[in-house]
Amino acid sequence: MATSPATQRFTYAHHADGSVLISCDGNAATLLRGDSAASFLAEVAEQDQQEVAARWSSKYRPGVIFVARAYPRKPVRKPPSA
């Protein structure tokens, strides 16, 4: 059984003026310039591109699934018995 390749949710483009555009699912997420762009590129060279891009684009929210599961909800109302 063949497995599908891992999808890359985050991509980045390094432009000639030194800026870096980070995109999430094909939509522009953030634009880095100057020292921020240089720091991002240095970090991407050393670590996982997806994790670094998620962190820098502010789309990184660790544990959000677990928080939502633990959030108290109102009980479901049952219809009255006839």
PDB file of N, CA and C in Angstrom:
ATOM      1  N   MET A   1       0.844  -1.177   0.000  1.00  0.00           N
ATOM      2  CA  MET A   1       0.000   0.000   0.000  1.00  0.00           C
ATOM      3  C   MET A   1       0.891   1.242   0.000  1.00  0.00           C
ATOM      4  N   ALA A   2       0.664   2.112  -0.923  1.00  0.00           N
ATOM      5  CA  ALA A   2       1.483   3.316  -1.049  1.00  0.00           C
ATOM      6  C   ALA A   2       0.981   4.388  -0.093  1.00  0.00           C
ATOM      7  N   THR A   3       1.906   5.091   0.492  1.00  0.00           N
ATOM      8  CA  THR A   3       1.530   6.186   1.373  1.00  0.00           C
ATOM      9  C   THR A   3       1.703   7.502   0.636  1.00  0.00           C
ATOM     10  N   SER A   4       0.841   8.441   0.940  1.00  0.00           N
ATOM     11  CA  SER A   4       0.942   9.746   0.282  1.00  0.00           C
ATOM     12  C   SER A   4       2.054  10.557   0.935  1.00  0.00           C
ATOM     13  N   PRO A   5       2.742  11.381   0.171  1.00  0.00           N
ATOM     14  CA  PRO A   5       3.807  12.196   0.760  1.00  0.00           C
ATOM     15  C   PRO A   5       3.224  13.208   1.737  1.00  0.00           C
ATOM     16  N   ALA A   6       4.012  13.548   2.727  1.00  0.00           N
ATOM     17  CA  ALA A   6       3.568  14.518   3.726  1.00  0.00           C
ATOM     18  C   ALA A   6       3.319  15.869   3.056  1.00  0.00           C
ATOM     19  N   THR A   7       2.204  16.449   3.357  1.00  0.00           N
ATOM     20  CA  THR A   7       1.900  17.759   2.775  1.00  0.00           C
ATOM     21  C   THR A   7       2.652  18.835   3.538  1.00  0.00           C
ATOM     22  N   GLN A   8       3.063  19.825   2.839  1.00  0.00           N
ATOM     23  CA  GLN A   8       3.775  20.940   3.457  1.00  0.00           C
ATOM     24  C   GLN A   8       2.802  22.100   3.554  1.00  0.00           C
ATOM     25  N   ARG A   9       2.339  22.348   4.755  1.00  0.00           N
ATOM     26  CA  ARG A   9       1.365  23.400   4.978  1.00  0.00           C
ATOM     27  C   ARG A   9       2.001  24.781   4.860  1.00  0.00           C
ATOM     28  N   PHE A  10       3.246  24.908   5.318  1.00  0.00           N
ATOM     29  CA  PHE A  10       3.933  26.199   5.299  1.00  0.00           C
ATOM     30  C   PHE A  10       5.009  26.205   4.233  1.00  0.00           C
ATOM     31  N   THR A  11       5.092  27.313   3.510  1.00  0.00           N
ATOM     32  CA  THR A  11       6.155  27.528   2.537  1.00  0.00           C
ATOM     33  C   THR A  11       6.702  28.930   2.757  1.00  0.00           C
ATOM     34  N   TYR A  12       7.906  29.146   2.265  1.00  0.00           N
ATOM     35  CA  TYR A  12       8.469  30.497   2.353  1.00  0.00           C
ATOM     36  C   TYR A  12       9.222  30.807   1.083  1.00  0.00           C
ATOM     37  N   ALA A  13       9.271  32.095   0.775  1.00  0.00           N
ATOM     38  CA  ALA A  13       9.988  32.577  -0.406  1.00  0.00           C
ATOM     39  C   ALA A  13      10.951  33.678   0.022  1.00  0.00           C
ATOM     40  N   HIS A  14      12.212  33.508  -0.346  1.00  0.00           N
ATOM     41  CA  HIS A  14      13.255  34.490  -0.036  1.00  0.00           C
ATOM     42  C   HIS A  14      13.396  35.393  -1.249  1.00  0.00           C
ATOM     43  N   HIS A  15      13.122  36.674  -1.095  1.00  0.00           N
ATOM     44  CA  HIS A  15      13.149  37.624  -2.205  1.00  0.00           C
ATOM     45  C   HIS A  15      14.507  38.316  -2.310  1.00  0.00           C
ATOM     46  N   ALA A  16      14.761  38.938  -3.452  1.00  0.00           N
ATOM     47  CA  ALA A  16      16.042  39.590  -3.731  1.00  0.00           C
ATOM     48  C   ALA A  16      16.332  40.750  -2.776  1.00  0.00           C
ATOM     49  N   ASP A  17      15.298  41.420  -2.271  1.00  0.00           N
ATOM     50  CA  ASP A  17      15.515  42.541  -1.353  1.00  0.00           C
ATOM     51  C   ASP A  17      15.815  42.083   0.078  1.00  0.00           C
ATOM     52  N   GLY A  18      15.871  40.752   0.292  1.00  0.00           N
ATOM     53  CA  GLY A  18      16.196  40.212   1.607  1.00  0.00           C
ATOM     54  C   GLY A  18      14.989  39.854   2.442  1.00  0.00           C
ATOM     55  N   SER A  19      13.796  40.187   1.967  1.00  0.00           N
ATOM     56  CA  SER A  19      12.588  39.863   2.721  1.00  0.00           C
ATOM     57  C   SER A  19      12.206  38.393   2.512  1.00  0.00           C
ATOM     58  N   VAL A  20      11.430  37.871   3.454  1.00  0.00           N
ATOM     59  CA  VAL A  20      10.966  36.486   3.387  1.00  0.00           C
ATOM     60  C   VAL A  20       9.455  36.499   3.575  1.00  0.00           C
ATOM     61  N   LEU A  21       8.736  35.892   2.637  1.00  0.00           N
ATOM     62  CA  LEU A  21       7.290  35.775   2.722  1.00  0.00           C
ATOM     63  C   LEU A  21       6.954  34.360   3.152  1.00  0.00           C
ATOM     64  N   ILE A  22       6.267  34.219   4.288  1.00  0.00           N
ATOM     65  CA  ILE A  22       5.831  32.909   4.778  1.00  0.00           C
ATOM     66  C   ILE A  22       4.357  32.766   4.428  1.00  0.00           C
ATOM     67  N   SER A  23       4.013  31.638   3.806  1.00  0.00           N
ATOM     68  CA  SER A  23       2.635  31.360   3.424  1.00  0.00           C
ATOM     69  C   SER A  23       2.138  30.126   4.143  1.00  0.00           C
ATOM     70  N   CYS A  24       0.850  30.130   4.457  1.00  0.00           N
ATOM     71  CA  CYS A  24       0.193  28.994   5.108  1.00  0.00           C
ATOM     72  C   CYS A  24      -0.959  28.560   4.216  1.00  0.00           C
ATOM     73  N   ASP A  25      -0.921  27.328   3.744  1.00  0.00           N
ATOM     74  CA  ASP A  25      -1.942  26.792   2.843  1.00  0.00           C
ATOM     75  C   ASP A  25      -2.135  27.662   1.612  1.00  0.00           C
ATOM     76  N   GLY A  26      -1.053  28.234   1.101  1.00  0.00           N
ATOM     77  CA  GLY A  26      -1.109  29.045  -0.106  1.00  0.00           C
ATOM     78  C   GLY A  26      -1.465  30.501   0.112  1.00  0.00           C
ATOM     79  N   ASN A  27      -1.781  30.887   1.342  1.00  0.00           N
ATOM     80  CA  ASN A  27      -2.134  32.274   1.648  1.00  0.00           C
ATOM     81  C   ASN A  27      -0.991  32.936   2.411  1.00  0.00           C
ATOM     82  N   ALA A  28      -0.713  34.188   2.073  1.00  0.00           N
ATOM     83  CA  ALA A  28       0.362  34.906   2.763  1.00  0.00           C
ATOM     84  C   ALA A  28       0.038  35.022   4.246  1.00  0.00           C
ATOM     85  N   ALA A  29       0.985  34.601   5.097  1.00  0.00           N
ATOM     86  CA  ALA A  29       0.782  34.651   6.544  1.00  0.00           C
ATOM     87  C   ALA A  29       1.552  35.810   7.166  1.00  0.00           C
ATOM     88  N   THR A  30       2.805  35.998   6.746  1.00  0.00           N
ATOM     89  CA  THR A  30       3.597  37.099   7.288  1.00  0.00           C
ATOM     90  C   THR A  30       4.754  37.431   6.351  1.00  0.00           C
ATOM     91  N   LEU A  31       5.247  38.646   6.463  1.00  0.00           N
ATOM     92  CA  LEU A  31       6.390  39.104   5.689  1.00  0.00           C
ATOM     93  C   LEU A  31       7.464  39.555   6.668  1.00  0.00           C
ATOM     94  N   LEU A  32       8.637  38.949   6.563  1.00  0.00           N
ATOM     95  CA  LEU A  32       9.754  39.293   7.443  1.00  0.00           C
ATOM     96  C   LEU A  32      10.774  40.114   6.667  1.00  0.00           C
ATOM     97  N   ARG A  33      11.345  41.122   7.321  1.00  0.00           N
ATOM     98  CA  ARG A  33      12.354  41.971   6.691  1.00  0.00           C
ATOM     99  C   ARG A  33      13.523  42.157   7.631  1.00  0.00           C
ATOM    100  N   GLY A  34      14.673  42.481   7.077  1.00  0.00           N
ATOM    101  CA  GLY A  34      15.854  42.837   7.865  1.00  0.00           C
ATOM    102  C   GLY A  34      16.364  41.708   8.747  1.00  0.00           C
ATOM    103  N   ASP A  35      16.618  42.048  10.022  1.00  0.00           N
ATOM    104  CA  ASP A  35      17.178  41.079  10.963  1.00  0.00           C
ATOM    105  C   ASP A  35      16.237  39.910  11.209  1.00  0.00           C
ATOM    106  N   SER A  36      14.931  40.167  11.189  1.00  0.00           N
ATOM    107  CA  SER A  36      13.961  39.087  11.394  1.00  0.00           C
ATOM    108  C   SER A  36      14.063  38.054  10.283  1.00  0.00           C
ATOM    109  N   ALA A  37      14.187  38.514   9.048  1.00  0.00           N
ATOM    110  CA  ALA A  37      14.304  37.594   7.918  1.00  0.00           C
ATOM    111  C   ALA A  37      15.588  36.780   8.013  1.00  0.00           C
ATOM    112  N   ALA A  38      16.683  37.425   8.399  1.00  0.00           N
ATOM    113  CA  ALA A  38      17.960  36.724   8.530  1.00  0.00           C
ATOM    114  C   ALA A  38      17.904  35.685   9.644  1.00  0.00           C
ATOM    115  N   SER A  39      17.280  36.038  10.756  1.00  0.00           N
ATOM    116  CA  SER A  39      17.134  35.094  11.868  1.00  0.00           C
ATOM    117  C   SER A  39      16.274  33.901  11.464  1.00  0.00           C
ATOM    118  N   PHE A  40      15.190  34.171  10.736  1.00  0.00           N
ATOM    119  CA  PHE A  40      14.318  33.098  10.267  1.00  0.00           C
ATOM    120  C   PHE A  40      15.077  32.138   9.357  1.00  0.00           C
ATOM    121  N   LEU A  41      15.818  32.675   8.391  1.00  0.00           N
ATOM    122  CA  LEU A  41      16.558  31.822   7.451  1.00  0.00           C
ATOM    123  C   LEU A  41      17.622  30.992   8.158  1.00  0.00           C
ATOM    124  N   ALA A  42      18.269  31.573   9.167  1.00  0.00           N
ATOM    125  CA  ALA A  42      19.272  30.826   9.929  1.00  0.00           C
ATOM    126  C   ALA A  42      18.618  29.701  10.713  1.00  0.00           C
ATOM    127  N   GLU A  43      17.459  29.965  11.268  1.00  0.00           N
ATOM    128  CA  GLU A  43      16.747  28.950  12.052  1.00  0.00           C
ATOM    129  C   GLU A  43      16.213  27.832  11.157  1.00  0.00           C
ATOM    130  N   VAL A  44      15.725  28.180   9.969  1.00  0.00           N
ATOM    131  CA  VAL A  44      15.214  27.175   9.035  1.00  0.00           C
ATOM    132  C   VAL A  44      16.330  26.235   8.583  1.00  0.00           C
ATOM    133  N   ALA A  45      17.537  26.766   8.460  1.00  0.00           N
ATOM    134  CA  ALA A  45      18.673  25.942   8.030  1.00  0.00           C
ATOM    135  C   ALA A  45      19.033  24.887   9.075  1.00  0.00           C
ATOM    136  N   GLU A  46      18.729  25.167  10.346  1.00  0.00           N
ATOM    137  CA  GLU A  46      19.107  24.257  11.426  1.00  0.00           C
ATOM    138  C   GLU A  46      17.970  23.348  11.889  1.00  0.00           C
ATOM    139  N   GLN A  47      16.730  23.764  11.728  1.00  0.00           N
ATOM    140  CA  GLN A  47      15.599  23.026  12.288  1.00  0.00           C
ATOM    141  C   GLN A  47      14.588  22.679  11.206  1.00  0.00           C
ATOM    142  N   ASP A  48      13.491  22.040  11.617  1.00  0.00           N
ATOM    143  CA  ASP A  48      12.429  21.645  10.703  1.00  0.00           C
ATOM    144  C   ASP A  48      11.718  22.879  10.140  1.00  0.00           C
ATOM    145  N   GLN A  49      11.630  22.948   8.829  1.00  0.00           N
ATOM    146  CA  GLN A  49      11.051  24.110   8.154  1.00  0.00           C
ATOM    147  C   GLN A  49       9.606  24.345   8.572  1.00  0.00           C
ATOM    148  N   GLN A  50       8.799  23.291   8.677  1.00  0.00           N
ATOM    149  CA  GLN A  50       7.388  23.446   9.006  1.00  0.00           C
ATOM    150  C   GLN A  50       7.180  24.034  10.411  1.00  0.00           C
ATOM    151  N   GLU A  51       7.926  23.531  11.364  1.00  0.00           N
ATOM    152  CA  GLU A  51       7.794  24.021  12.740  1.00  0.00           C
ATOM    153  C   GLU A  51       8.259  25.467  12.873  1.00  0.00           C
ATOM    154  N   VAL A  52       9.369  25.785  12.235  1.00  0.00           N
ATOM    155  CA  VAL A  52       9.908  27.146  12.311  1.00  0.00           C
ATOM    156  C   VAL A  52       8.955  28.135  11.638  1.00  0.00           C
ATOM    157  N   ALA A  53       8.469  27.789  10.451  1.00  0.00           N
ATOM    158  CA  ALA A  53       7.554  28.686   9.737  1.00  0.00           C
ATOM    159  C   ALA A  53       6.256  28.875  10.518  1.00  0.00           C
ATOM    160  N   ALA A  54       5.760  27.831  11.151  1.00  0.00           N
ATOM    161  CA  ALA A  54       4.536  27.944  11.948  1.00  0.00           C
ATOM    162  C   ALA A  54       4.755  28.891  13.129  1.00  0.00           C
ATOM    163  N   ARG A  55       5.884  28.761  13.776  1.00  0.00           N
ATOM    164  CA  ARG A  55       6.187  29.617  14.922  1.00  0.00           C
ATOM    165  C   ARG A  55       6.332  31.089  14.506  1.00  0.00           C
ATOM    166  N   TRP A  56       7.049  31.328  13.438  1.00  0.00           N
ATOM    167  CA  TRP A  56       7.305  32.700  12.985  1.00  0.00           C
ATOM    168  C   TRP A  56       6.058  33.353  12.390  1.00  0.00           C
ATOM    169  N   SER A  57       5.132  32.562  11.876  1.00  0.00           N
ATOM    170  CA  SER A  57       3.943  33.143  11.260  1.00  0.00           C
ATOM    171  C   SER A  57       2.800  33.316  12.255  1.00  0.00           C
ATOM    172  N   SER A  58       3.027  32.995  13.514  1.00  0.00           N
ATOM    173  CA  SER A  58       2.022  33.097  14.572  1.00  0.00           C
ATOM    174  C   SER A  58       0.848  32.163  14.346  1.00  0.00           C
ATOM    175  N   LYS A  59       1.057  31.093  13.603  1.00  0.00           N
ATOM    176  CA  LYS A  59       0.015  30.101  13.380  1.00  0.00           C
ATOM    177  C   LYS A  59       0.267  28.865  14.236  1.00  0.00           C
ATOM    178  N   TYR A  60       1.155  28.993  15.194  1.00  0.00           N
ATOM    179  CA  TYR A  60       1.569  27.869  16.023  1.00  0.00           C
ATOM    180  C   TYR A  60       0.900  27.972  17.374  1.00  0.00           C
ATOM    181  N   ARG A  61       0.020  27.026  17.690  1.00  0.00           N
ATOM    182  CA  ARG A  61      -0.685  27.048  18.960  1.00  0.00           C
ATOM    183  C   ARG A  61      -0.627  25.652  19.574  1.00  0.00           C
ATOM    184  N   PRO A  62       0.445  25.350  20.284  1.00  0.00           N
ATOM    185  CA  PRO A  62       0.560  24.005  20.840  1.00  0.00           C
ATOM    186  C   PRO A  62      -0.496  23.733  21.898  1.00  0.00           C
ATOM    187  N   GLY A  63      -1.050  22.530  21.865  1.00  0.00           N
ATOM    188  CA  GLY A  63      -1.992  22.114  22.881  1.00  0.00           C
ATOM    189  C   GLY A  63      -3.394  22.654  22.733  1.00  0.00           C
ATOM    190  N   VAL A  64      -3.694  23.329  21.648  1.00  0.00           N
ATOM    191  CA  VAL A  64      -5.030  23.912  21.503  1.00  0.00           C
ATOM    192  C   VAL A  64      -6.101  22.820  21.425  1.00  0.00           C
ATOM    193  N   ILE A  65      -5.793  21.672  20.891  1.00  0.00           N
ATOM    194  CA  ILE A  65      -6.757  20.577  20.800  1.00  0.00           C
ATOM    195  C   ILE A  65      -7.106  20.073  22.195  1.00  0.00           C
ATOM    196  N   PHE A  66      -6.099  19.924  23.034  1.00  0.00           N
ATOM    197  CA  PHE A  66      -6.332  19.414  24.370  1.00  0.00           C
ATOM    198  C   PHE A  66      -7.111  20.415  25.213  1.00  0.00           C
ATOM    199  N   VAL A  67      -6.879  21.690  25.006  1.00  0.00           N
ATOM    200  CA  VAL A  67      -7.603  22.716  25.738  1.00  0.00           C
ATOM    201  C   VAL A  67      -9.081  22.669  25.360  1.00  0.00           C
ATOM    202  N   ALA A  68      -9.366  22.527  24.083  1.00  0.00           N
ATOM    203  CA  ALA A  68     -10.753  22.494  23.618  1.00  0.00           C
ATOM    204  C   ALA A  68     -11.485  21.266  24.151  1.00  0.00           C
ATOM    205  N   ARG A  69     -10.810  20.128  24.221  1.00  0.00           N
ATOM    206  CA  ARG A  69     -11.455  18.917  24.730  1.00  0.00           C
ATOM    207  C   ARG A  69     -11.816  19.054  26.203  1.00  0.00           C
ATOM    208  N   ALA A  70     -11.006  19.748  26.960  1.00  0.00           N
ATOM    209  CA  ALA A  70     -11.228  19.867  28.398  1.00  0.00           C
ATOM    210  C   ALA A  70     -12.194  20.994  28.754  1.00  0.00           C
ATOM    211  N   TYR A  71     -12.597  21.803  27.800  1.00  0.00           N
ATOM    212  CA  TYR A  71     -13.465  22.944  28.069  1.00  0.00           C
ATOM    213  C   TYR A  71     -14.852  22.454  28.459  1.00  0.00           C
ATOM    214  N   PRO A  72     -15.383  22.919  29.584  1.00  0.00           N
ATOM    215  CA  PRO A  72     -16.707  22.438  30.014  1.00  0.00           C
ATOM    216  C   PRO A  72     -17.801  22.929  29.070  1.00  0.00           C
ATOM    217  N   ARG A  73     -18.723  22.053  28.791  1.00  0.00           N
ATOM    218  CA  ARG A  73     -19.831  22.388  27.899  1.00  0.00           C
ATOM    219  C   ARG A  73     -21.152  22.162  28.635  1.00  0.00           C
ATOM    220  N   LYS A  74     -22.174  22.804  28.142  1.00  0.00           N
ATOM    221  CA  LYS A  74     -23.487  22.619  28.737  1.00  0.00           C
ATOM    222  C   LYS A  74     -23.969  21.203  28.420  1.00  0.00           C
ATOM    223  N   PRO A  75     -24.671  20.579  29.337  1.00  0.00           N
ATOM    224  CA  PRO A  75     -25.189  19.244  29.049  1.00  0.00           C
ATOM    225  C   PRO A  75     -26.290  19.311  27.988  1.00  0.00           C
ATOM    226  N   VAL A  76     -26.415  18.259  27.244  1.00  0.00           N
ATOM    227  CA  VAL A  76     -27.433  18.186  26.193  1.00  0.00           C
ATOM    228  C   VAL A  76     -28.782  17.996  26.855  1.00  0.00           C
ATOM    229  N   ARG A  77     -29.740  18.815  26.480  1.00  0.00           N
ATOM    230  CA  ARG A  77     -31.089  18.697  27.035  1.00  0.00           C
ATOM    231  C   ARG A  77     -31.827  17.555  26.366  1.00  0.00           C
ATOM    232  N   LYS A  78     -32.493  16.778  27.167  1.00  0.00           N
ATOM    233  CA  LYS A  78     -33.290  15.679  26.638  1.00  0.00           C
ATOM    234  C   LYS A  78     -34.735  16.157  26.502  1.00  0.00           C
ATOM    235  N   PRO A  79     -35.420  15.713  25.469  1.00  0.00           N
ATOM    236  CA  PRO A  79     -36.815  16.120  25.318  1.00  0.00           C
ATOM    237  C   PRO A  79     -37.659  15.515  26.442  1.00  0.00           C
ATOM    238  N   PRO A  80     -38.709  16.207  26.854  1.00  0.00           N
ATOM    239  CA  PRO A  80     -39.539  15.665  27.932  1.00  0.00           C
ATOM    240  C   PRO A  80     -40.233  14.378  27.501  1.00  0.00           C
ATOM    241  N   SER A  81     -40.416  13.483  28.466  1.00  0.00           N
ATOM    242  CA  SER A  81     -41.077  12.209  28.181  1.00  0.00           C
ATOM    243  C   SER A  81     -42.575  12.445  28.036  1.00  0.00           C
ATOM    244  N   ALA A  82     -43.176  11.712  27.131  1.00  0.00           N
ATOM    245  CA  ALA A  82     -44.609  11.872  26.922  1.00  0.00           C
ATOM    246  C   ALA A  82     -45.422  10.971  27.797  1.00  0.00           C
TER     247      ALA A  82
END
